[in-house]
Amino acid sequence: MILDEKLRWFGFWLLDSLKGKQIRTYYDQIQRAWQEGTSIRETEERIRALIAHAVKTTEFYKDYPEDIELTDLPVVNKDTFRQNYEKFLSTTYKDAPDNRVMCTSGSTGTPLRMIQNRDKIRHNTAGGIFLGAAAGYYIGMKEAFIRVWVNNVKKSKFQLFQENLIMMDSSRMDEQALERMFRVIEKKKVKCLVGYSSALGELSNYIQKTGKDCSRCKVKAIIPISETMPEPVRRTLEKQFDCPVRAWYSNEENGIMGLQNEDNEGYRIDTETYYYEILKMDSDEPAEPGELGRIVITDLFNYAFPILRYDNGDTAVATRKEKNGRYRLYLDELYGRRSDLIYDCEGKAVTPYIITNNLWDIEGVKQYRFIQEDVKDYTIWLNGDPQKMNQEEILGRIRPYLGEEARIRVELVDEIPVLASGKRKYIENRCEKYKNQTGFCG
């Protein structure tokens, strides 16, 4: 790390120390658990305390006994949260001024607002810093974040300076945009690339196609987010930038929950912060060892909106290792985080997040699916309240990314069909021309 980066790293911890070392305490706990495993006894105590809190302070759990076992509580999902939103809010934290509201982009076609209390926020910060460092990124490093920067997530100039961050917009991924992206990475001496897997894959394809020389780049870590990155793309990026590529397993409603292993495609979960169950695909019984099952999450630190047994729509094959009263959890296989690429009228690939990030806050929309039917023909399936949906606003947000010649048809449907994984596919490319294109994930 150069002097400027070191000052930012030590400056952050100095400020935290002046505030009582609240984040550092959690950081040290997560670090110890990563090295030695998480205490089974302490995890059980945290689960019992969270259940008791939920029973005493939320409408949804009020009729359950405080000492009920976790496995006797119902499994919930995003639709459960949306349909019973007020019932999940804790009366203790509901109006706390230091709460934070997180808005999911709706990768399954179902956007959601999630409230987090101050202690959960601190724990999220500590977990993000630790799992970033484990992947090779330290706060203070020059970072480029590749995503669709819609208004609700854009950062101010002061925030960019404070975080040593460069916003890279992945709304368009044509050759000119990729050239500018590569030039900034090289000239600004970017140390860490964080971004959508599909966008990083397009950058890798561009480097490969044009024969760009990455030897002058200073990238030390690449962290894909939001989608599964195919292993060939991951290994190509590692060779191109001569650095590790390790994805975070994360979502907006919980935070960063795990880190991809260095030598395989599996993940290790932050068991100090989250308790995972892997349940059978067709029932709420535990999956057998080695069996593909549904990921069900209990967030041990969100007391403002207790998340107990949350089926997030992903599936995995998991291994739990116990020793001396401590345990580790590995996701040997993880599914459900790959999306299709779509193309504009000129045949240029565009990230699917131009859809999700522009539809997440449209009033009246419950679920959606965006389908590319042909080179210039697209369909949007919308499920929700037709009286509240502003179809012109929807088309106005999306059309600029596809081109003025785009023919976009809106169809109102009663339900978006679910996949075998339990997720609703939000992007689908049916265009025969693109089905064999590099990067297409069917």
Protein backbone atom coordinates (compact mmCIF):
# COMPACT_ATOMS: atom_id res chain seq x y z
CA MET A 1 0.00 0.00 0.00
CA ILE A 2 1.26 3.50 -0.84
CA LEU A 3 1.39 6.25 1.81
CA ASP A 4 -2.01 7.73 0.90
CA GLU A 5 -3.67 4.32 1.19
CA LYS A 6 -1.95 3.52 4.48
CA LEU A 7 -3.10 6.83 5.93
CA ARG A 8 -6.70 6.05 4.96
CA TRP A 9 -6.49 2.56 6.50
CA PHE A 10 -4.99 3.75 9.78
CA GLY A 11 -7.17 6.87 9.77
CA PHE A 12 -10.32 4.77 9.62
CA TRP A 13 -9.30 2.68 12.61
CA LEU A 14 -8.20 5.79 14.54
CA LEU A 15 -11.66 7.32 14.10
CA ASP A 16 -13.28 4.04 15.14
CA SER A 17 -11.04 3.94 18.22
CA LEU A 18 -12.18 7.43 19.19
CA LYS A 19 -15.79 6.19 18.94
CA GLY A 20 -15.17 3.22 21.23
CA LYS A 21 -13.70 0.62 18.84
CA GLN A 22 -17.17 -0.71 18.04
CA ILE A 23 -16.31 -1.79 14.49
CA ARG A 24 -12.85 -3.06 15.48
CA THR A 25 -14.37 -5.30 18.14
CA TYR A 26 -16.61 -6.97 15.57
CA TYR A 27 -13.74 -7.14 13.07
CA ASP A 28 -11.56 -8.98 15.59
CA GLN A 29 -14.40 -11.40 16.40
CA ILE A 30 -14.96 -12.21 12.72
CA GLN A 31 -11.22 -12.59 12.13
CA ARG A 32 -10.85 -15.00 15.05
CA ALA A 33 -13.85 -17.05 13.87
CA TRP A 34 -12.36 -17.20 10.37
CA GLN A 35 -9.13 -18.56 11.80
CA GLU A 36 -10.48 -20.89 14.49
CA GLY A 37 -14.16 -21.43 13.64
CA THR A 38 -17.28 -19.97 15.23
CA SER A 39 -18.34 -21.01 18.72
CA ILE A 40 -21.36 -23.33 18.50
CA ARG A 41 -22.46 -22.35 22.02
CA GLU A 42 -22.29 -18.60 21.31
CA THR A 43 -24.20 -19.08 18.05
CA GLU A 44 -26.97 -20.92 19.89
CA GLU A 45 -27.13 -18.10 22.46
CA ARG A 46 -27.39 -15.47 19.72
CA ILE A 47 -30.19 -17.40 18.01
CA ARG A 48 -32.13 -17.74 21.28
CA ALA A 49 -31.71 -14.02 22.03
CA LEU A 50 -32.85 -13.05 18.53
CA ILE A 51 -35.92 -15.29 18.70
CA ALA A 52 -36.89 -13.91 22.12
CA HIS A 53 -36.51 -10.36 20.81
CA ALA A 54 -38.62 -11.13 17.72
CA VAL A 55 -41.38 -12.71 19.82
CA LYS A 56 -41.48 -9.75 22.24
CA THR A 57 -41.28 -6.90 19.71
CA THR A 58 -42.76 -7.99 16.35
CA GLU A 59 -46.32 -8.68 15.29
CA PHE A 60 -45.29 -11.57 13.03
CA TYR A 61 -43.72 -13.68 15.81
CA LYS A 62 -45.79 -12.53 18.83
CA ASP A 63 -47.78 -15.77 19.15
CA TYR A 64 -44.73 -18.02 19.40
CA PRO A 65 -43.13 -18.89 22.76
CA GLU A 66 -39.85 -17.09 23.45
CA ASP A 67 -38.00 -20.39 23.94
CA ILE A 68 -39.16 -21.96 20.66
CA GLU A 69 -36.51 -23.80 18.66
CA LEU A 70 -35.36 -22.13 15.45
CA THR A 71 -36.38 -25.17 13.41
CA ASP A 72 -39.96 -24.83 14.68
CA LEU A 73 -40.32 -21.35 13.19
CA PRO A 74 -41.69 -20.95 9.64
CA VAL A 75 -39.40 -20.54 6.66
CA VAL A 76 -40.00 -17.10 5.10
CA ASN A 77 -39.02 -15.52 1.80
CA LYS A 78 -39.00 -12.11 0.15
CA ASP A 79 -42.72 -12.30 -0.63
CA THR A 80 -43.42 -13.03 3.04
CA PHE A 81 -41.50 -9.88 4.00
CA ARG A 82 -43.29 -7.75 1.42
CA GLN A 83 -46.76 -9.00 2.30
CA ASN A 84 -46.19 -8.65 6.07
CA TYR A 85 -43.69 -5.80 6.08
CA GLU A 86 -45.06 -3.89 9.09
CA LYS A 87 -45.44 -7.10 11.09
CA PHE A 88 -41.70 -7.83 10.87
CA LEU A 89 -40.64 -4.40 12.14
CA SER A 90 -39.44 -4.41 15.75
CA THR A 91 -41.30 -1.92 17.94
CA THR A 92 -38.03 -1.32 19.81
CA TYR A 93 -36.16 -0.13 16.70
CA LYS A 94 -38.95 0.88 14.32
CA ASP A 95 -38.44 4.65 14.64
CA ALA A 96 -34.79 4.70 15.71
CA PRO A 97 -33.07 7.70 14.05
CA ASP A 98 -29.87 5.77 13.33
CA ASN A 99 -31.54 2.97 11.34
CA ARG A 100 -30.55 2.42 7.72
CA VAL A 101 -32.86 1.43 4.88
CA MET A 102 -31.41 -0.93 2.27
CA CYS A 103 -33.25 -1.35 -1.04
CA THR A 104 -32.74 -4.51 -3.04
CA SER A 105 -32.51 -4.15 -6.82
CA GLY A 106 -34.99 -6.97 -7.20
CA SER A 107 -32.81 -9.57 -8.92
CA THR A 108 -35.66 -12.04 -8.58
CA GLY A 109 -38.21 -9.55 -9.83
CA THR A 110 -39.37 -8.68 -6.31
CA PRO A 111 -37.85 -5.45 -4.91
CA LEU A 112 -37.69 -5.01 -1.13
CA ARG A 113 -36.84 -2.35 1.45
CA MET A 114 -34.95 -3.65 4.47
CA ILE A 115 -34.33 -1.75 7.71
CA GLN A 116 -31.10 -2.30 9.66
CA ASN A 117 -30.33 -1.08 13.18
CA ARG A 118 -27.08 0.65 14.10
CA ASP A 119 -25.45 -2.46 15.58
CA LYS A 120 -26.23 -4.42 12.40
CA ILE A 121 -24.70 -1.61 10.33
CA ARG A 122 -21.50 -1.73 12.38
CA HIS A 123 -21.32 -5.49 12.01
CA ASN A 124 -21.88 -5.19 8.25
CA THR A 125 -19.04 -2.68 8.06
CA ALA A 126 -16.70 -4.93 10.03
CA GLY A 127 -17.61 -7.98 7.93
CA GLY A 128 -17.14 -6.09 4.68
CA ILE A 129 -13.73 -4.80 5.75
CA PHE A 130 -12.57 -8.25 6.85
CA LEU A 131 -13.84 -10.14 3.80
CA GLY A 132 -12.42 -7.42 1.58
CA ALA A 133 -9.01 -7.81 3.21
CA ALA A 134 -9.26 -11.60 2.88
CA ALA A 135 -9.81 -11.07 -0.86
CA GLY A 136 -6.84 -8.68 -1.12
CA TYR A 137 -8.67 -5.34 -0.81
CA TYR A 138 -7.95 -3.00 2.10
CA ILE A 139 -10.02 0.12 2.78
CA GLY A 140 -8.09 3.08 1.45
CA MET A 141 -6.95 1.31 -1.72
CA LYS A 142 -7.87 2.96 -5.01
CA GLU A 143 -11.05 1.12 -5.99
CA ALA A 144 -13.11 1.12 -9.18
CA PHE A 145 -16.71 0.00 -8.73
CA ILE A 146 -18.33 -1.21 -11.96
CA ARG A 147 -22.13 -1.08 -11.80
CA VAL A 148 -25.15 0.84 -13.09
CA TRP A 149 -24.98 4.08 -11.14
CA VAL A 150 -28.62 5.16 -10.93
CA ASN A 151 -29.45 8.23 -8.85
CA ASN A 152 -30.27 6.44 -5.62
CA VAL A 153 -26.76 4.93 -5.34
CA LYS A 154 -24.57 7.63 -6.89
CA LYS A 155 -21.93 9.04 -4.58
CA SER A 156 -20.93 12.67 -4.08
CA LYS A 157 -17.46 13.97 -4.93
CA PHE A 158 -16.66 14.08 -1.22
CA GLN A 159 -17.74 10.47 -0.75
CA LEU A 160 -15.62 9.40 -3.73
CA PHE A 161 -12.60 11.19 -2.25
CA GLN A 162 -13.30 9.80 1.19
CA GLU A 163 -13.56 6.21 -0.09
CA ASN A 164 -10.83 6.59 -2.75
CA LEU A 165 -13.43 5.31 -5.20
CA ILE A 166 -14.04 5.63 -8.93
CA MET A 167 -17.58 5.09 -10.22
CA MET A 168 -17.52 3.11 -13.48
CA ASP A 169 -20.86 2.89 -15.23
CA SER A 170 -21.69 -0.44 -16.84
CA SER A 171 -24.91 0.75 -18.51
CA ARG A 172 -23.15 0.31 -21.83
CA MET A 173 -20.41 -2.18 -22.49
CA ASP A 174 -19.54 -1.39 -26.11
CA GLU A 175 -15.93 -1.24 -27.31
CA GLN A 176 -15.58 2.51 -26.70
CA ALA A 177 -16.88 2.19 -23.14
CA LEU A 178 -14.58 -0.75 -22.43
CA GLU A 179 -11.60 1.16 -23.85
CA ARG A 180 -12.32 4.09 -21.52
CA MET A 181 -12.75 1.69 -18.61
CA PHE A 182 -9.41 -0.01 -19.25
CA ARG A 183 -7.64 3.34 -19.69
CA VAL A 184 -8.91 4.59 -16.31
CA ILE A 185 -7.87 1.35 -14.57
CA GLU A 186 -4.38 1.73 -16.01
CA LYS A 187 -3.83 5.48 -15.63
CA LYS A 188 -5.48 5.91 -12.21
CA LYS A 189 -3.51 2.96 -10.82
CA VAL A 190 -6.64 1.18 -9.62
CA LYS A 191 -5.80 -1.45 -6.99
CA CYS A 192 -9.16 -3.18 -6.66
CA LEU A 193 -11.94 -3.89 -9.16
CA VAL A 194 -15.39 -4.57 -7.73
CA GLY A 195 -18.27 -5.10 -10.12
CA TYR A 196 -21.01 -7.14 -11.65
CA SER A 197 -19.67 -10.45 -12.92
CA SER A 198 -21.16 -9.88 -16.36
CA ALA A 199 -19.45 -6.49 -16.67
CA LEU A 200 -16.08 -7.89 -15.54
CA GLY A 201 -16.56 -10.70 -18.05
CA GLU A 202 -17.11 -8.21 -20.87
CA LEU A 203 -13.97 -6.34 -19.81
CA SER A 204 -12.02 -9.60 -19.87
CA ASN A 205 -13.38 -10.44 -23.33
CA TYR A 206 -12.37 -6.98 -24.56
CA ILE A 207 -8.82 -7.34 -23.20
CA GLN A 208 -8.52 -10.76 -24.81
CA LYS A 209 -9.95 -9.62 -28.16
CA THR A 210 -7.81 -6.49 -28.43
CA GLY A 211 -4.63 -7.97 -26.97
CA LYS A 212 -4.37 -5.24 -24.32
CA ASP A 213 -1.24 -5.31 -22.18
CA CYS A 214 -2.20 -5.40 -18.50
CA SER A 215 1.36 -5.37 -17.19
CA ARG A 216 1.20 -1.64 -16.43
CA CYS A 217 -1.99 -2.07 -14.37
CA LYS A 218 -1.68 -2.12 -10.58
CA VAL A 219 -4.74 -4.24 -9.79
CA LYS A 220 -4.22 -6.38 -6.69
CA ALA A 221 -7.71 -7.81 -6.22
CA ILE A 222 -10.87 -8.39 -8.29
CA ILE A 223 -14.17 -8.98 -6.51
CA PRO A 224 -17.19 -10.00 -8.64
CA ILE A 225 -20.61 -9.39 -7.13
CA SER A 226 -24.31 -10.10 -7.75
CA GLU A 227 -23.96 -12.93 -10.29
CA THR A 228 -22.02 -16.15 -10.58
CA MET A 229 -18.91 -15.69 -12.67
CA PRO A 230 -18.16 -18.69 -14.90
CA GLU A 231 -14.88 -20.28 -13.85
CA PRO A 232 -13.19 -19.79 -17.28
CA VAL A 233 -13.85 -16.04 -17.04
CA ARG A 234 -12.54 -15.96 -13.48
CA ARG A 235 -9.31 -17.76 -14.35
CA THR A 236 -8.79 -15.62 -17.47
CA LEU A 237 -9.11 -12.45 -15.39
CA GLU A 238 -6.60 -13.81 -12.88
CA LYS A 239 -4.07 -14.34 -15.66
CA GLN A 240 -4.76 -11.00 -17.31
CA PHE A 241 -4.27 -8.92 -14.16
CA ASP A 242 -2.02 -11.37 -12.28
CA CYS A 243 -4.13 -11.15 -9.12
CA PRO A 244 -6.77 -13.20 -7.26
CA VAL A 245 -10.41 -13.06 -8.36
CA ARG A 246 -12.65 -13.98 -5.42
CA ALA A 247 -16.35 -13.21 -5.39
CA TRP A 248 -18.34 -12.06 -2.42
CA TYR A 249 -21.56 -13.88 -1.63
CA SER A 250 -23.86 -11.04 -0.68
CA ASN A 251 -27.23 -9.38 -0.98
CA GLU A 252 -28.67 -6.01 -0.03
CA GLU A 253 -30.98 -7.34 2.67
CA ASN A 254 -28.24 -9.09 4.67
CA GLY A 255 -24.84 -7.82 3.53
CA ILE A 256 -21.61 -9.59 2.57
CA MET A 257 -22.05 -13.14 3.84
CA GLY A 258 -19.14 -15.09 2.41
CA LEU A 259 -16.04 -15.21 0.24
CA GLN A 260 -15.17 -17.45 -2.67
CA ASN A 261 -12.36 -19.91 -2.08
CA GLU A 262 -9.08 -19.17 -3.80
CA ASP A 263 -8.55 -22.61 -5.35
CA ASN A 264 -12.10 -23.66 -6.25
CA GLU A 265 -15.56 -22.28 -6.99
CA GLY A 266 -16.95 -22.85 -3.49
CA TYR A 267 -17.51 -20.24 -0.78
CA ARG A 268 -16.85 -19.95 2.92
CA ILE A 269 -19.60 -18.31 4.96
CA ASP A 270 -19.13 -15.71 7.73
CA THR A 271 -20.65 -17.91 10.45
CA GLU A 272 -19.95 -15.30 13.11
CA THR A 273 -22.66 -13.13 11.55
CA TYR A 274 -25.04 -15.54 9.80
CA TYR A 275 -26.48 -18.95 10.64
CA TYR A 276 -27.24 -21.06 7.58
CA GLU A 277 -29.53 -24.03 7.10
CA ILE A 278 -29.55 -26.04 3.88
CA LEU A 279 -33.05 -27.47 3.43
CA LYS A 280 -34.42 -29.95 0.92
CA MET A 281 -35.75 -28.58 -2.35
CA ASP A 282 -39.30 -29.83 -1.75
CA SER A 283 -39.65 -29.62 2.04
CA ASP A 284 -38.32 -27.82 5.12
CA GLU A 285 -36.32 -30.84 6.24
CA PRO A 286 -32.51 -30.57 6.34
CA ALA A 287 -30.78 -31.62 3.13
CA GLU A 288 -28.55 -34.67 3.35
CA PRO A 289 -24.74 -34.17 3.27
CA GLY A 290 -23.78 -33.57 -0.36
CA GLU A 291 -27.39 -32.95 -1.41
CA LEU A 292 -28.39 -29.77 -3.26
CA GLY A 293 -30.71 -27.75 -1.07
CA ARG A 294 -32.20 -24.32 -0.43
CA ILE A 295 -30.17 -21.71 1.45
CA VAL A 296 -32.08 -20.50 4.53
CA ILE A 297 -30.48 -17.62 6.44
CA THR A 298 -30.80 -16.37 10.00
CA ASP A 299 -29.16 -12.94 10.35
CA LEU A 300 -27.82 -12.85 13.90
CA PHE A 301 -27.50 -9.07 14.21
CA ASN A 302 -30.48 -7.39 12.54
CA TYR A 303 -32.81 -6.57 15.43
CA ALA A 304 -34.75 -3.81 13.62
CA PHE A 305 -36.15 -6.32 11.12
CA PRO A 306 -35.50 -9.82 12.50
CA ILE A 307 -34.55 -12.22 9.71
CA LEU A 308 -35.16 -15.76 10.91
CA ARG A 309 -35.09 -18.68 8.46
CA TYR A 310 -35.05 -16.57 5.29
CA ASP A 311 -35.11 -18.56 2.04
CA ASN A 312 -33.28 -16.16 -0.27
CA GLY A 313 -33.92 -18.21 -3.42
CA ASP A 314 -30.39 -19.56 -3.84
CA THR A 315 -29.38 -23.22 -3.66
CA ALA A 316 -26.17 -24.88 -2.54
CA VAL A 317 -24.36 -28.03 -1.55
CA ALA A 318 -22.76 -27.34 1.84
CA THR A 319 -20.20 -28.88 4.17
CA ARG A 320 -20.11 -28.12 7.90
CA LYS A 321 -16.89 -28.88 9.78
CA GLU A 322 -16.84 -29.00 13.59
CA LYS A 323 -13.88 -29.16 15.97
CA ASN A 324 -13.46 -28.30 19.65
CA GLY A 325 -16.90 -26.72 19.93
CA ARG A 326 -16.38 -24.51 16.89
CA TYR A 327 -17.56 -24.84 13.32
CA ARG A 328 -17.00 -23.65 9.77
CA LEU A 329 -19.46 -23.71 6.89
CA TYR A 330 -18.50 -24.09 3.23
CA LEU A 331 -20.76 -23.88 0.19
CA ASP A 332 -19.09 -26.42 -2.07
CA GLU A 333 -21.48 -25.57 -4.90
CA LEU A 334 -23.61 -22.43 -5.20
CA TYR A 335 -26.37 -21.90 -7.76
CA GLY A 336 -28.97 -19.32 -8.64
CA ARG A 337 -26.87 -16.21 -9.27
CA ARG A 338 -26.35 -16.28 -13.03
CA SER A 339 -28.26 -14.04 -15.38
CA ASP A 340 -28.58 -13.68 -19.13
CA LEU A 341 -26.84 -11.03 -21.12
CA ILE A 342 -29.03 -8.88 -23.32
CA TYR A 343 -28.09 -6.83 -26.37
CA ASP A 344 -29.15 -3.46 -27.71
CA CYS A 345 -30.43 -2.84 -31.26
CA GLU A 346 -26.86 -2.54 -32.55
CA GLY A 347 -25.84 -5.90 -31.12
CA LYS A 348 -23.80 -4.46 -28.25
CA ALA A 349 -23.98 -6.31 -24.95
CA VAL A 350 -25.57 -4.43 -22.07
CA THR A 351 -25.66 -5.51 -18.46
CA PRO A 352 -28.97 -6.95 -17.20
CA TYR A 353 -28.78 -4.50 -14.31
CA ILE A 354 -30.07 -1.71 -16.53
CA ILE A 355 -33.36 -3.56 -16.03
CA THR A 356 -33.20 -4.44 -12.34
CA ASN A 357 -31.73 -1.12 -11.19
CA ASN A 358 -34.31 0.87 -13.12
CA LEU A 359 -37.36 -1.16 -12.12
CA TRP A 360 -36.75 -1.77 -8.43
CA ASP A 361 -38.58 1.39 -7.29
CA ILE A 362 -41.47 1.55 -9.79
CA GLU A 363 -44.67 1.83 -7.79
CA GLY A 364 -47.14 -0.98 -8.34
CA VAL A 365 -44.63 -3.48 -9.78
CA LYS A 366 -44.49 -6.71 -7.77
CA GLN A 367 -42.57 -8.95 -10.19
CA TYR A 368 -41.16 -8.63 -13.67
CA ARG A 369 -39.31 -10.45 -16.40
CA PHE A 370 -37.51 -8.80 -19.30
CA ILE A 371 -37.26 -10.91 -22.46
CA GLN A 372 -35.23 -10.26 -25.60
CA GLU A 373 -37.30 -11.88 -28.34
CA ASP A 374 -35.20 -10.80 -31.34
CA VAL A 375 -32.49 -8.33 -32.28
CA LYS A 376 -34.80 -5.31 -31.80
CA ASP A 377 -37.81 -6.91 -30.12
CA TYR A 378 -38.25 -7.03 -26.36
CA THR A 379 -41.06 -7.93 -23.96
CA ILE A 380 -41.57 -6.92 -20.33
CA TRP A 381 -43.85 -9.08 -18.22
CA LEU A 382 -45.23 -7.11 -15.30
CA ASN A 383 -47.11 -8.49 -12.32
CA GLY A 384 -48.64 -6.01 -9.92
CA ASP A 385 -51.21 -3.23 -9.72
CA PRO A 386 -51.90 -1.86 -13.24
CA GLN A 387 -53.49 1.28 -11.78
CA LYS A 388 -50.26 2.26 -10.03
CA MET A 389 -47.75 1.25 -12.72
CA ASN A 390 -46.43 4.02 -14.93
CA GLN A 391 -45.66 2.13 -18.12
CA GLU A 392 -44.37 5.23 -19.89
CA GLU A 393 -41.86 5.80 -17.09
CA ILE A 394 -40.72 2.18 -17.33
CA LEU A 395 -40.18 2.41 -21.08
CA GLY A 396 -38.54 5.80 -20.73
CA ARG A 397 -35.99 4.43 -18.29
CA ILE A 398 -35.07 1.38 -20.36
CA ARG A 399 -35.29 2.50 -23.99
CA PRO A 400 -32.16 4.76 -23.93
CA TYR A 401 -30.00 1.72 -23.17
CA LEU A 402 -31.45 -0.37 -26.01
CA GLY A 403 -31.77 2.21 -28.79
CA GLU A 404 -34.59 4.23 -30.30
CA GLU A 405 -35.38 1.41 -32.73
CA ALA A 406 -36.16 -0.97 -29.87
CA ARG A 407 -39.68 -2.39 -29.99
CA ILE A 408 -40.66 -3.01 -26.37
CA ARG A 409 -43.98 -4.70 -25.64
CA VAL A 410 -45.46 -4.62 -22.13
CA GLU A 411 -47.56 -7.58 -21.02
CA LEU A 412 -49.45 -7.66 -17.72
CA VAL A 413 -49.45 -11.13 -16.16
CA ASP A 414 -50.92 -12.68 -13.02
CA GLU A 415 -47.69 -14.42 -12.01
CA ILE A 416 -44.07 -14.77 -13.12
CA PRO A 417 -43.24 -18.52 -13.26
CA VAL A 418 -40.55 -19.71 -10.85
CA LEU A 419 -37.50 -21.77 -11.76
CA ALA A 420 -36.53 -25.04 -10.09
CA SER A 421 -34.27 -23.05 -7.75
CA GLY A 422 -37.27 -21.10 -6.48
CA LYS A 423 -36.19 -17.85 -8.12
CA ARG A 424 -38.10 -15.93 -10.73
CA LYS A 425 -35.89 -15.41 -13.73
CA TYR A 426 -35.78 -11.68 -14.33
CA ILE A 427 -33.83 -11.67 -17.60
CA GLU A 428 -34.31 -14.08 -20.49
CA ASN A 429 -32.74 -13.99 -23.94
CA ARG A 430 -34.73 -15.92 -26.53
CA CYS A 431 -33.02 -14.38 -29.55
CA GLU A 432 -31.48 -17.19 -31.63
CA LYS A 433 -28.69 -14.91 -32.84
CA TYR A 434 -27.21 -14.53 -29.37
CA LYS A 435 -27.69 -17.95 -27.82
CA ASN A 436 -24.19 -19.09 -28.73
CA GLN A 437 -22.49 -15.78 -27.97
CA THR A 438 -19.64 -15.78 -25.43
CA GLY A 439 -20.97 -14.89 -22.01
CA PHE A 440 -24.54 -16.00 -22.59
CA CYS A 441 -25.85 -17.85 -19.59
CA GLY A 442 -28.98 -19.85 -20.29
